All heavy atoms as atom14 arrays in JSON, in Angstrom:
{
  "sequence": "VAATRWISGTSYSADFADSVKGRFTCSRDNAKNALYLQMNTLKPE",
  "atom14_mask": [
    [1, 1, 1, 1, 1, 1, 1, 0, 0, 0, 0, 0, 0, 0],
    [1, 1, 1, 1, 1, 0, 0, 0, 0, 0, 0, 0, 0, 0],
    [1, 1, 1, 1, 1, 0, 0, 0, 0, 0, 0, 0, 0, 0],
    [1, 1, 1, 1, 1, 1, 1, 0, 0, 0, 0, 0, 0, 0],
    [1, 1, 1, 1, 1, 1, 1, 1, 1, 1, 1, 0, 0, 0],
    [1, 1, 1, 1, 1, 1, 1, 1, 1, 1, 1, 1, 1, 1],
    [1, 1, 1, 1, 1, 1, 1, 1, 0, 0, 0, 0, 0, 0],
    [1, 1, 1, 1, 1, 1, 0, 0, 0, 0, 0, 0, 0, 0],
    [1, 1, 1, 1, 0, 0, 0, 0, 0, 0, 0, 0, 0, 0],
    [1, 1, 1, 1, 1, 1, 1, 0, 0, 0, 0, 0, 0, 0],
    [1, 1, 1, 1, 1, 1, 0, 0, 0, 0, 0, 0, 0, 0],
    [1, 1, 1, 1, 1, 1, 1, 1, 1, 1, 1, 1, 0, 0],
    [1, 1, 1, 1, 1, 1, 0, 0, 0, 0, 0, 0, 0, 0],
    [1, 1, 1, 1, 1, 0, 0, 0, 0, 0, 0, 0, 0, 0],
    [1, 1, 1, 1, 1, 1, 1, 1, 0, 0, 0, 0, 0, 0],
    [1, 1, 1, 1, 1, 1, 1, 1, 1, 1, 1, 0, 0, 0],
    [1, 1, 1, 1, 1, 0, 0, 0, 0, 0, 0, 0, 0, 0],
    [1, 1, 1, 1, 1, 1, 1, 1, 0, 0, 0, 0, 0, 0],
    [1, 1, 1, 1, 1, 1, 0, 0, 0, 0, 0, 0, 0, 0],
    [1, 1, 1, 1, 1, 1, 1, 0, 0, 0, 0, 0, 0, 0],
    [1, 1, 1, 1, 1, 1, 1, 1, 1, 0, 0, 0, 0, 0],
    [1, 1, 1, 1, 0, 0, 0, 0, 0, 0, 0, 0, 0, 0],
    [1, 1, 1, 1, 1, 1, 1, 1, 1, 1, 1, 0, 0, 0],
    [1, 1, 1, 1, 1, 1, 1, 1, 1, 1, 1, 0, 0, 0],
    [1, 1, 1, 1, 1, 1, 1, 0, 0, 0, 0, 0, 0, 0],
    [1, 1, 1, 1, 1, 1, 0, 0, 0, 0, 0, 0, 0, 0],
    [1, 1, 1, 1, 1, 1, 0, 0, 0, 0, 0, 0, 0, 0],
    [1, 1, 1, 1, 1, 1, 1, 1, 1, 1, 1, 0, 0, 0],
    [1, 1, 1, 1, 1, 1, 1, 1, 0, 0, 0, 0, 0, 0],
    [1, 1, 1, 1, 1, 1, 1, 1, 0, 0, 0, 0, 0, 0],
    [1, 1, 1, 1, 1, 0, 0, 0, 0, 0, 0, 0, 0, 0],
    [1, 1, 1, 1, 1, 1, 1, 1, 1, 0, 0, 0, 0, 0],
    [1, 1, 1, 1, 1, 1, 1, 1, 0, 0, 0, 0, 0, 0],
    [1, 1, 1, 1, 1, 0, 0, 0, 0, 0, 0, 0, 0, 0],
    [1, 1, 1, 1, 1, 1, 1, 1, 0, 0, 0, 0, 0, 0],
    [1, 1, 1, 1, 1, 1, 1, 1, 1, 1, 1, 1, 0, 0],
    [1, 1, 1, 1, 1, 1, 1, 1, 0, 0, 0, 0, 0, 0],
    [1, 1, 1, 1, 1, 1, 1, 1, 1, 0, 0, 0, 0, 0],
    [1, 1, 1, 1, 1, 1, 1, 1, 0, 0, 0, 0, 0, 0],
    [1, 1, 1, 1, 1, 1, 1, 1, 0, 0, 0, 0, 0, 0],
    [1, 1, 1, 1, 1, 1, 1, 0, 0, 0, 0, 0, 0, 0],
    [1, 1, 1, 1, 1, 1, 1, 1, 0, 0, 0, 0, 0, 0],
    [1, 1, 1, 1, 1, 1, 1, 1, 1, 0, 0, 0, 0, 0],
    [1, 1, 1, 1, 1, 1, 1, 0, 0, 0, 0, 0, 0, 0],
    [1, 1, 1, 1, 1, 1, 1, 1, 1, 0, 0, 0, 0, 0]
  ],
  "atom14_positions": [
    [[165.56, 36.94, 66.16], [166.11, 35.61, 65.91], [165.19, 34.52, 66.44], [164.75, 33.64, 65.7], [167.51, 35.45, 66.55], [168.03, 34.03, 66.33], [168.47, 36.48, 65.98], [0.0, 0.0, 0.0], [0.0, 0.0, 0.0], [0.0, 0.0, 0.0], [0.0, 0.0, 0.0], [0.0, 0.0, 0.0], [0.0, 0.0, 0.0], [0.0, 0.0, 0.0]],
    [[164.88, 34.57, 67.73], [164.07, 33.53, 68.36], [163.46, 34.07, 69.65], [163.98, 35.01, 70.24], [164.91, 32.28, 68.65], [0.0, 0.0, 0.0], [0.0, 0.0, 0.0], [0.0, 0.0, 0.0], [0.0, 0.0, 0.0], [0.0, 0.0, 0.0], [0.0, 0.0, 0.0], [0.0, 0.0, 0.0], [0.0, 0.0, 0.0], [0.0, 0.0, 0.0]],
    [[162.37, 33.44, 70.1], [161.72, 33.88, 71.32], [161.0, 32.74, 72.0], [160.58, 31.77, 71.36], [160.73, 35.01, 71.02], [0.0, 0.0, 0.0], [0.0, 0.0, 0.0], [0.0, 0.0, 0.0], [0.0, 0.0, 0.0], [0.0, 0.0, 0.0], [0.0, 0.0, 0.0], [0.0, 0.0, 0.0], [0.0, 0.0, 0.0], [0.0, 0.0, 0.0]],
    [[160.86, 32.86, 73.32], [159.98, 31.99, 74.1], [158.96, 32.88, 74.79], [159.33, 33.89, 75.4], [160.74, 31.15, 75.13], [161.39, 32.0, 76.09], [161.77, 30.26, 74.46], [0.0, 0.0, 0.0], [0.0, 0.0, 0.0], [0.0, 0.0, 0.0], [0.0, 0.0, 0.0], [0.0, 0.0, 0.0], [0.0, 0.0, 0.0], [0.0, 0.0, 0.0]],
    [[157.7, 32.51, 74.7], [156.63, 33.27, 75.32], [155.9, 32.41, 76.34], [155.49, 31.28, 76.03], [155.66, 33.8, 74.26], [154.61, 34.74, 74.81], [153.85, 35.42, 73.71], [152.99, 34.5, 72.99], [152.19, 34.85, 71.99], [152.17, 36.11, 71.6], [151.45, 33.94, 71.39], [0.0, 0.0, 0.0], [0.0, 0.0, 0.0], [0.0, 0.0, 0.0]],
    [[155.73, 32.95, 77.53], [155.06, 32.23, 78.59], [153.59, 32.06, 78.28], [152.91, 33.02, 77.9], [155.23, 32.98, 79.91], [154.55, 32.34, 81.07], [154.95, 31.23, 81.75], [153.35, 32.78, 81.7], [154.07, 30.95, 82.77], [153.08, 31.89, 82.77], [152.47, 33.85, 81.48], [151.97, 32.03, 83.6], [151.38, 33.99, 82.31], [151.14, 33.09, 83.35]],
    [[153.09, 30.83, 78.44], [151.68, 30.53, 78.24], [151.0, 30.4, 79.59], [150.08, 31.14, 79.92], [151.48, 29.24, 77.42], [152.2, 29.34, 76.08], [150.0, 28.97, 77.24], [151.71, 30.46, 75.2], [0.0, 0.0, 0.0], [0.0, 0.0, 0.0], [0.0, 0.0, 0.0], [0.0, 0.0, 0.0], [0.0, 0.0, 0.0], [0.0, 0.0, 0.0]],
    [[151.45, 29.44, 80.4], [150.97, 29.22, 81.75], [151.87, 28.19, 82.42], [152.42, 27.32, 81.75], [149.51, 28.74, 81.77], [149.4, 27.47, 81.15], [0.0, 0.0, 0.0], [0.0, 0.0, 0.0], [0.0, 0.0, 0.0], [0.0, 0.0, 0.0], [0.0, 0.0, 0.0], [0.0, 0.0, 0.0], [0.0, 0.0, 0.0], [0.0, 0.0, 0.0]],
    [[152.03, 28.31, 83.73], [152.88, 27.37, 84.44], [154.28, 27.33, 83.85], [154.97, 28.35, 83.82], [0.0, 0.0, 0.0], [0.0, 0.0, 0.0], [0.0, 0.0, 0.0], [0.0, 0.0, 0.0], [0.0, 0.0, 0.0], [0.0, 0.0, 0.0], [0.0, 0.0, 0.0], [0.0, 0.0, 0.0], [0.0, 0.0, 0.0], [0.0, 0.0, 0.0]],
    [[154.68, 26.16, 83.38], [155.98, 26.0, 82.74], [155.85, 25.76, 81.25], [156.77, 25.24, 80.62], [156.77, 24.84, 83.39], [156.01, 23.63, 83.3], [157.05, 25.14, 84.85], [0.0, 0.0, 0.0], [0.0, 0.0, 0.0], [0.0, 0.0, 0.0], [0.0, 0.0, 0.0], [0.0, 0.0, 0.0], [0.0, 0.0, 0.0], [0.0, 0.0, 0.0]],
    [[154.72, 26.13, 80.69], [154.48, 25.96, 79.26], [154.84, 27.23, 78.51], [154.44, 28.33, 78.9], [153.01, 25.6, 79.0], [152.68, 24.36, 79.59], [0.0, 0.0, 0.0], [0.0, 0.0, 0.0], [0.0, 0.0, 0.0], [0.0, 0.0, 0.0], [0.0, 0.0, 0.0], [0.0, 0.0, 0.0], [0.0, 0.0, 0.0], [0.0, 0.0, 0.0]],
    [[155.59, 27.07, 77.43], [156.03, 28.18, 76.61], [155.88, 27.85, 75.14], [155.96, 26.69, 74.74], [157.51, 28.52, 76.89], [157.8, 28.91, 78.3], [158.08, 27.95, 79.26], [157.78, 30.25, 78.69], [158.34, 28.31, 80.57], [158.03, 30.61, 79.99], [158.31, 29.64, 80.93], [158.57, 30.0, 82.23], [0.0, 0.0, 0.0], [0.0, 0.0, 0.0]],
    [[155.67, 28.88, 74.35], [155.7, 28.72, 72.91], [157.04, 29.23, 72.4], [157.69, 30.04, 73.05], [154.56, 29.49, 72.25], [154.69, 30.88, 72.48], [0.0, 0.0, 0.0], [0.0, 0.0, 0.0], [0.0, 0.0, 0.0], [0.0, 0.0, 0.0], [0.0, 0.0, 0.0], [0.0, 0.0, 0.0], [0.0, 0.0, 0.0], [0.0, 0.0, 0.0]],
    [[157.45, 28.74, 71.24], [158.72, 29.15, 70.65], [158.49, 29.66, 69.24], [157.71, 29.08, 68.49], [159.71, 28.0, 70.65], [0.0, 0.0, 0.0], [0.0, 0.0, 0.0], [0.0, 0.0, 0.0], [0.0, 0.0, 0.0], [0.0, 0.0, 0.0], [0.0, 0.0, 0.0], [0.0, 0.0, 0.0], [0.0, 0.0, 0.0], [0.0, 0.0, 0.0]],
    [[159.17, 30.72, 68.89], [159.08, 31.31, 67.56], [160.48, 31.56, 67.03], [161.39, 31.89, 67.78], [158.28, 32.62, 67.59], [156.85, 32.42, 68.04], [156.07, 31.82, 67.27], [156.51, 32.87, 69.15], [0.0, 0.0, 0.0], [0.0, 0.0, 0.0], [0.0, 0.0, 0.0], [0.0, 0.0, 0.0], [0.0, 0.0, 0.0], [0.0, 0.0, 0.0]],
    [[160.63, 31.43, 65.72], [161.93, 31.6, 65.09], [161.81, 32.4, 63.81], [160.8, 32.31, 63.09], [162.57, 30.25, 64.76], [162.78, 29.38, 65.96], [161.82, 28.46, 66.34], [163.95, 29.48, 66.7], [162.01, 27.65, 67.45], [164.15, 28.68, 67.81], [163.18, 27.77, 68.18], [0.0, 0.0, 0.0], [0.0, 0.0, 0.0], [0.0, 0.0, 0.0]],
    [[162.84, 33.17, 63.53], [162.92, 33.83, 62.25], [163.11, 32.79, 61.15], [163.73, 31.74, 61.37], [164.08, 34.82, 62.23], [0.0, 0.0, 0.0], [0.0, 0.0, 0.0], [0.0, 0.0, 0.0], [0.0, 0.0, 0.0], [0.0, 0.0, 0.0], [0.0, 0.0, 0.0], [0.0, 0.0, 0.0], [0.0, 0.0, 0.0], [0.0, 0.0, 0.0]],
    [[162.58, 33.08, 59.97], [162.69, 32.13, 58.86], [164.14, 31.79, 58.55], [164.45, 30.66, 58.16], [162.01, 32.68, 57.62], [160.5, 32.71, 57.73], [159.95, 32.03, 58.61], [159.87, 33.41, 56.92], [0.0, 0.0, 0.0], [0.0, 0.0, 0.0], [0.0, 0.0, 0.0], [0.0, 0.0, 0.0], [0.0, 0.0, 0.0], [0.0, 0.0, 0.0]],
    [[165.03, 32.74, 58.74], [166.43, 32.54, 58.39], [167.14, 31.52, 59.28], [168.21, 31.02, 58.91], [167.18, 33.88, 58.45], [167.1, 34.45, 59.75], [0.0, 0.0, 0.0], [0.0, 0.0, 0.0], [0.0, 0.0, 0.0], [0.0, 0.0, 0.0], [0.0, 0.0, 0.0], [0.0, 0.0, 0.0], [0.0, 0.0, 0.0], [0.0, 0.0, 0.0]],
    [[166.56, 31.21, 60.45], [167.22, 30.28, 61.36], [166.39, 29.04, 61.66], [166.87, 28.15, 62.37], [167.6, 30.97, 62.69], [168.45, 32.21, 62.43], [166.36, 31.33, 63.5], [0.0, 0.0, 0.0], [0.0, 0.0, 0.0], [0.0, 0.0, 0.0], [0.0, 0.0, 0.0], [0.0, 0.0, 0.0], [0.0, 0.0, 0.0], [0.0, 0.0, 0.0]],
    [[165.18, 28.96, 61.14], [164.33, 27.8, 61.39], [165.01, 26.51, 60.94], [165.59, 26.45, 59.86], [162.98, 27.95, 60.68], [162.03, 28.9, 61.36], [160.62, 28.8, 60.79], [160.59, 29.12, 59.31], [159.19, 29.12, 58.77], [0.0, 0.0, 0.0], [0.0, 0.0, 0.0], [0.0, 0.0, 0.0], [0.0, 0.0, 0.0], [0.0, 0.0, 0.0]],
    [[164.94, 25.5, 61.78], [165.57, 24.23, 61.48], [167.02, 24.15, 61.87], [167.61, 23.06, 61.87], [0.0, 0.0, 0.0], [0.0, 0.0, 0.0], [0.0, 0.0, 0.0], [0.0, 0.0, 0.0], [0.0, 0.0, 0.0], [0.0, 0.0, 0.0], [0.0, 0.0, 0.0], [0.0, 0.0, 0.0], [0.0, 0.0, 0.0], [0.0, 0.0, 0.0]],
    [[167.63, 25.29, 62.2], [169.04, 25.32, 62.59], [169.23, 25.74, 64.05], [170.13, 25.24, 64.71], [169.83, 26.28, 61.69], [169.82, 25.88, 60.22], [170.79, 26.74, 59.42], [170.43, 28.16, 59.44], [171.21, 29.13, 59.9], [172.4, 28.84, 60.39], [170.8, 30.39, 59.87], [0.0, 0.0, 0.0], [0.0, 0.0, 0.0], [0.0, 0.0, 0.0]],
    [[168.4, 26.65, 64.53], [168.52, 27.16, 65.89], [167.39, 26.63, 66.76], [166.27, 26.42, 66.28], [168.44, 28.68, 65.92], [169.61, 29.41, 65.31], [170.59, 28.74, 64.59], [169.72, 30.78, 65.46], [171.66, 29.42, 64.02], [170.78, 31.47, 64.91], [171.75, 30.8, 64.19], [0.0, 0.0, 0.0], [0.0, 0.0, 0.0], [0.0, 0.0, 0.0]],
    [[167.67, 26.42, 68.04], [166.64, 26.11, 69.01], [166.81, 27.03, 70.21], [167.92, 27.46, 70.52], [166.68, 24.64, 69.47], [167.96, 24.35, 70.03], [166.41, 23.7, 68.31], [0.0, 0.0, 0.0], [0.0, 0.0, 0.0], [0.0, 0.0, 0.0], [0.0, 0.0, 0.0], [0.0, 0.0, 0.0], [0.0, 0.0, 0.0], [0.0, 0.0, 0.0]],
    [[165.7, 27.33, 70.86], [165.71, 28.24, 72.0], [165.02, 27.55, 73.18], [163.97, 26.93, 73.01], [164.98, 29.53, 71.64], [165.05, 30.82, 72.9], [0.0, 0.0, 0.0], [0.0, 0.0, 0.0], [0.0, 0.0, 0.0], [0.0, 0.0, 0.0], [0.0, 0.0, 0.0], [0.0, 0.0, 0.0], [0.0, 0.0, 0.0], [0.0, 0.0, 0.0]],
    [[165.62, 27.66, 74.35], [165.05, 27.05, 75.54], [165.34, 27.92, 76.76], [166.17, 28.83, 76.7], [165.6, 25.63, 75.75], [167.0, 25.66, 75.93], [0.0, 0.0, 0.0], [0.0, 0.0, 0.0], [0.0, 0.0, 0.0], [0.0, 0.0, 0.0], [0.0, 0.0, 0.0], [0.0, 0.0, 0.0], [0.0, 0.0, 0.0], [0.0, 0.0, 0.0]],
    [[164.66, 27.62, 77.86], [164.87, 28.39, 79.08], [164.84, 27.49, 80.29], [164.18, 26.45, 80.3], [163.84, 29.52, 79.21], [162.39, 29.06, 79.22], [161.45, 30.23, 78.94], [161.42, 31.2, 80.02], [160.87, 32.41, 79.95], [160.31, 32.8, 78.8], [160.89, 33.23, 80.99], [0.0, 0.0, 0.0], [0.0, 0.0, 0.0], [0.0, 0.0, 0.0]],
    [[165.57, 27.89, 81.31], [165.61, 27.2, 82.59], [165.25, 28.23, 83.65], [166.09, 29.02, 84.07], [166.99, 26.61, 82.85], [167.05, 25.77, 84.11], [166.19, 25.95, 85.0], [167.96, 24.94, 84.22], [0.0, 0.0, 0.0], [0.0, 0.0, 0.0], [0.0, 0.0, 0.0], [0.0, 0.0, 0.0], [0.0, 0.0, 0.0], [0.0, 0.0, 0.0]],
    [[163.99, 28.22, 84.08], [163.52, 29.24, 85.0], [164.17, 29.13, 86.38], [164.33, 30.14, 87.07], [162.0, 29.17, 85.13], [161.31, 29.56, 83.85], [161.68, 30.53, 83.2], [160.29, 28.8, 83.48], [0.0, 0.0, 0.0], [0.0, 0.0, 0.0], [0.0, 0.0, 0.0], [0.0, 0.0, 0.0], [0.0, 0.0, 0.0], [0.0, 0.0, 0.0]],
    [[164.53, 27.92, 86.8], [165.18, 27.74, 88.09], [166.52, 28.46, 88.13], [166.98, 28.88, 89.19], [165.36, 26.26, 88.4], [0.0, 0.0, 0.0], [0.0, 0.0, 0.0], [0.0, 0.0, 0.0], [0.0, 0.0, 0.0], [0.0, 0.0, 0.0], [0.0, 0.0, 0.0], [0.0, 0.0, 0.0], [0.0, 0.0, 0.0], [0.0, 0.0, 0.0]],
    [[167.16, 28.59, 86.98], [168.45, 29.26, 86.88], [168.34, 30.66, 86.3], [169.36, 31.33, 86.11], [169.41, 28.44, 86.02], [169.72, 27.06, 86.58], [170.67, 26.31, 85.66], [171.0, 24.94, 86.21], [171.91, 24.18, 85.3], [0.0, 0.0, 0.0], [0.0, 0.0, 0.0], [0.0, 0.0, 0.0], [0.0, 0.0, 0.0], [0.0, 0.0, 0.0]],
    [[167.12, 31.1, 86.03], [166.91, 32.4, 85.38], [167.78, 32.5, 84.13], [168.51, 33.47, 83.94], [167.21, 33.56, 86.32], [166.01, 33.96, 87.16], [164.93, 33.41, 87.04], [166.21, 34.95, 88.02], [0.0, 0.0, 0.0], [0.0, 0.0, 0.0], [0.0, 0.0, 0.0], [0.0, 0.0, 0.0], [0.0, 0.0, 0.0], [0.0, 0.0, 0.0]],
    [[167.7, 31.48, 83.29], [168.57, 31.4, 82.13], [167.79, 31.13, 80.85], [166.78, 30.43, 80.86], [169.63, 30.32, 82.33], [0.0, 0.0, 0.0], [0.0, 0.0, 0.0], [0.0, 0.0, 0.0], [0.0, 0.0, 0.0], [0.0, 0.0, 0.0], [0.0, 0.0, 0.0], [0.0, 0.0, 0.0], [0.0, 0.0, 0.0], [0.0, 0.0, 0.0]],
    [[168.29, 31.68, 79.77], [167.76, 31.47, 78.43], [168.91, 30.99, 77.56], [170.04, 31.48, 77.68], [167.19, 32.77, 77.88], [166.61, 32.73, 76.47], [165.28, 31.98, 76.45], [166.43, 34.15, 75.94], [0.0, 0.0, 0.0], [0.0, 0.0, 0.0], [0.0, 0.0, 0.0], [0.0, 0.0, 0.0], [0.0, 0.0, 0.0], [0.0, 0.0, 0.0]],
    [[168.63, 30.05, 76.66], [169.68, 29.48, 75.82], [169.31, 29.56, 74.35], [168.13, 29.52, 73.98], [169.92, 28.02, 76.18], [170.24, 27.8, 77.64], [169.24, 27.39, 78.53], [171.51, 28.03, 78.13], [169.52, 27.2, 79.87], [171.8, 27.84, 79.47], [170.81, 27.43, 80.34], [171.08, 27.25, 81.67], [0.0, 0.0, 0.0], [0.0, 0.0, 0.0]],
    [[170.32, 29.66, 73.52], [170.14, 29.6, 72.08], [171.17, 28.63, 71.53], [172.37, 28.91, 71.55], [170.31, 30.98, 71.44], [170.09, 31.05, 69.93], [168.61, 30.8, 69.6], [170.53, 32.4, 69.37], [0.0, 0.0, 0.0], [0.0, 0.0, 0.0], [0.0, 0.0, 0.0], [0.0, 0.0, 0.0], [0.0, 0.0, 0.0], [0.0, 0.0, 0.0]],
    [[170.7, 27.48, 71.06], [171.57, 26.5, 70.43], [171.59, 26.77, 68.93], [170.55, 26.71, 68.28], [171.07, 25.08, 70.71], [171.9, 23.98, 70.05], [173.3, 23.89, 70.6], [173.5, 23.9, 71.8], [174.28, 23.8, 69.71], [0.0, 0.0, 0.0], [0.0, 0.0, 0.0], [0.0, 0.0, 0.0], [0.0, 0.0, 0.0], [0.0, 0.0, 0.0]],
    [[172.75, 27.06, 68.4], [172.91, 27.43, 67.0], [173.7, 26.34, 66.29], [174.86, 26.1, 66.62], [173.61, 28.78, 66.86], [172.93, 29.9, 67.64], [173.71, 31.52, 67.36], [175.31, 31.22, 68.11], [0.0, 0.0, 0.0], [0.0, 0.0, 0.0], [0.0, 0.0, 0.0], [0.0, 0.0, 0.0], [0.0, 0.0, 0.0], [0.0, 0.0, 0.0]],
    [[173.06, 25.69, 65.33], [173.7, 24.63, 64.56], [173.79, 25.03, 63.09], [173.08, 25.92, 62.63], [172.91, 23.33, 64.69], [172.8, 22.84, 66.11], [173.77, 22.87, 66.86], [171.61, 22.36, 66.48], [0.0, 0.0, 0.0], [0.0, 0.0, 0.0], [0.0, 0.0, 0.0], [0.0, 0.0, 0.0], [0.0, 0.0, 0.0], [0.0, 0.0, 0.0]],
    [[174.65, 24.35, 62.37], [174.83, 24.59, 60.95], [174.99, 26.08, 60.68], [174.31, 26.66, 59.83], [173.66, 24.0, 60.13], [173.29, 22.72, 60.65], [174.06, 23.82, 58.66], [0.0, 0.0, 0.0], [0.0, 0.0, 0.0], [0.0, 0.0, 0.0], [0.0, 0.0, 0.0], [0.0, 0.0, 0.0], [0.0, 0.0, 0.0], [0.0, 0.0, 0.0]],
    [[175.9, 26.69, 61.39], [176.1, 28.13, 61.29], [176.61, 28.53, 59.91], [177.38, 27.81, 59.28], [177.05, 28.61, 62.37], [176.42, 28.71, 63.77], [177.5, 28.76, 64.84], [175.53, 29.95, 63.85], [0.0, 0.0, 0.0], [0.0, 0.0, 0.0], [0.0, 0.0, 0.0], [0.0, 0.0, 0.0], [0.0, 0.0, 0.0], [0.0, 0.0, 0.0]],
    [[176.16, 29.71, 59.47], [176.54, 30.27, 58.2], [177.22, 31.62, 58.41], [176.98, 32.27, 59.41], [175.31, 30.47, 57.31], [174.48, 29.22, 57.07], [173.23, 29.55, 56.28], [172.39, 28.32, 56.03], [171.16, 28.64, 55.27], [0.0, 0.0, 0.0], [0.0, 0.0, 0.0], [0.0, 0.0, 0.0], [0.0, 0.0, 0.0], [0.0, 0.0, 0.0]],
    [[178.05, 32.06, 57.47], [178.66, 33.39, 57.6], [177.62, 34.49, 57.79], [177.9, 35.48, 58.48], [179.42, 33.56, 56.29], [179.79, 32.17, 55.9], [178.6, 31.33, 56.31], [0.0, 0.0, 0.0], [0.0, 0.0, 0.0], [0.0, 0.0, 0.0], [0.0, 0.0, 0.0], [0.0, 0.0, 0.0], [0.0, 0.0, 0.0], [0.0, 0.0, 0.0]],
    [[176.43, 34.32, 57.22], [175.37, 35.3, 57.37], [174.86, 35.43, 58.81], [174.16, 36.39, 59.13], [174.18, 34.94, 56.46], [174.54, 34.85, 54.99], [174.87, 33.43, 54.57], [175.98, 32.96, 54.93], [174.04, 32.8, 53.89], [0.0, 0.0, 0.0], [0.0, 0.0, 0.0], [0.0, 0.0, 0.0], [0.0, 0.0, 0.0], [0.0, 0.0, 0.0]]
  ]
}
């Protein structure tokens, strides 16, 4: 679905499946050891 890859420091790259691009966003909060997926315009699929 989506991924964040560590580059250096607090810099990350983000990748998304074509099926969710433009609708989903992915982020992380390292201080909280947390990863998030914001899903908008959801479809039955």
